[in-house]
Protein backbone atom coordinates (compact mmCIF):
# COMPACT_ATOMS: atom_id res chain seq x y z
CA UNK A 1 106.59 -28.34 -8.60
CA UNK A 2 103.94 -30.84 -9.76
CA UNK A 3 100.36 -30.86 -8.54
CA UNK A 4 101.03 -34.07 -6.59
CA UNK A 5 104.03 -32.50 -4.83
CA UNK A 6 101.96 -29.41 -4.01
CA UNK A 7 99.17 -31.57 -2.57
CA UNK A 8 101.76 -33.51 -0.54
CA UNK A 9 103.19 -30.27 0.82
CA UNK A 10 99.73 -28.85 1.62
CA UNK A 11 98.68 -31.98 3.51
CA UNK A 12 101.97 -32.15 5.44
CA UNK A 13 101.57 -28.48 6.43
CA UNK A 14 97.96 -29.08 7.49
CA UNK A 15 98.93 -32.16 9.55
CA UNK A 16 101.67 -30.24 11.37
CA UNK A 17 99.05 -27.82 12.73
CA UNK A 18 96.68 -30.55 13.95
CA UNK A 19 96.43 -32.14 17.37
CA UNK A 20 98.35 -35.34 18.19
CA UNK A 21 95.08 -37.27 18.24
CA UNK A 22 94.21 -36.10 14.71
CA UNK A 23 97.67 -37.18 13.52
CA UNK A 24 97.17 -40.58 15.17
CA UNK A 25 93.78 -41.02 13.49
CA UNK A 26 95.29 -40.10 10.11
CA UNK A 27 98.15 -42.59 10.54
CA UNK A 28 95.71 -45.28 11.65
CA UNK A 29 93.65 -44.75 8.49
CA UNK A 30 96.85 -44.91 6.46
CA UNK A 31 97.86 -48.27 7.96
CA UNK A 32 94.45 -49.91 8.50
CA UNK A 33 92.43 -48.51 5.60
CA UNK A 34 88.83 -47.30 5.78
CA UNK A 35 87.30 -47.40 9.27
CA UNK A 36 84.21 -46.22 11.13
CA UNK A 37 84.48 -43.89 14.10
CA UNK A 38 84.00 -46.74 16.57
CA UNK A 39 86.67 -48.80 14.79
CA UNK A 40 89.02 -45.80 14.95
CA UNK A 41 88.39 -45.52 18.70
CA UNK A 42 89.17 -49.23 19.13
CA UNK A 43 92.32 -49.13 16.99
CA UNK A 44 93.75 -45.93 18.50
CA UNK A 45 92.54 -46.61 22.06
CA UNK A 46 91.33 -43.00 22.18
CA UNK A 47 88.00 -42.02 23.74
CA UNK A 48 85.19 -41.73 21.17
CA UNK A 49 84.82 -38.01 21.87
CA UNK A 50 88.51 -37.46 21.08
CA UNK A 51 88.18 -39.45 17.86
CA UNK A 52 85.10 -37.44 16.91
CA UNK A 53 87.04 -34.18 17.38
CA UNK A 54 90.06 -35.56 15.47
CA UNK A 55 87.83 -36.65 12.58
CA UNK A 56 86.25 -33.19 12.47
CA UNK A 57 89.69 -31.56 12.31
CA UNK A 58 90.82 -33.88 9.52
CA UNK A 59 87.63 -33.24 7.54
CA UNK A 60 88.01 -29.47 7.91
CA UNK A 61 91.53 -29.75 6.48
CA UNK A 62 90.25 -32.03 3.67
CA UNK A 63 92.61 -34.84 4.66
CA UNK A 64 89.88 -37.45 5.09
CA UNK A 65 86.47 -38.04 3.60
CA UNK A 66 83.36 -39.74 4.94
CA UNK A 67 80.94 -42.07 3.16
CA UNK A 68 77.84 -43.85 4.38
CA UNK A 69 78.59 -47.43 5.42
CA UNK A 70 76.99 -50.10 3.25
CA UNK A 71 76.77 -52.44 6.25
CA UNK A 72 75.06 -49.92 8.54
CA UNK A 73 73.62 -46.73 7.06
CA UNK A 74 73.74 -45.10 10.50
CA UNK A 75 77.54 -45.10 10.42
CA UNK A 76 80.10 -43.31 8.28
CA UNK A 77 83.28 -44.87 6.95
CA UNK A 78 86.30 -42.56 6.95
CA UNK A 79 89.16 -42.76 4.47
CA UNK A 80 92.22 -40.73 3.53
CA UNK A 81 92.10 -38.63 0.42
CA UNK A 82 95.82 -39.04 -0.30
CA UNK A 83 97.61 -41.87 1.47
CA UNK A 84 100.99 -41.16 -0.08
CA UNK A 85 100.95 -37.64 1.32
CA UNK A 86 101.29 -38.92 4.88
CA UNK A 87 104.49 -40.83 4.21
CA UNK A 88 107.70 -39.07 5.09
CA UNK A 89 110.08 -38.25 2.25
């Protein structure tokens, strides 16, 4: 099994254990690209507190990463580490 296949399997296993809101946030990042927490709340129609918890879960599992926004240094922009890993085989 290649490293890419192992990473795919690890991410799929991690996603299976996460809450539905975390899965929705991950899929939204896959389809929409990099977003801030407030943009994620708007896109998913989830409360900001739920998005915050989902983002924390995804970061703990190393599925997403956060970077400081160039537009507003008070905000973080979240992105997937491996987009192809979310796609079903």
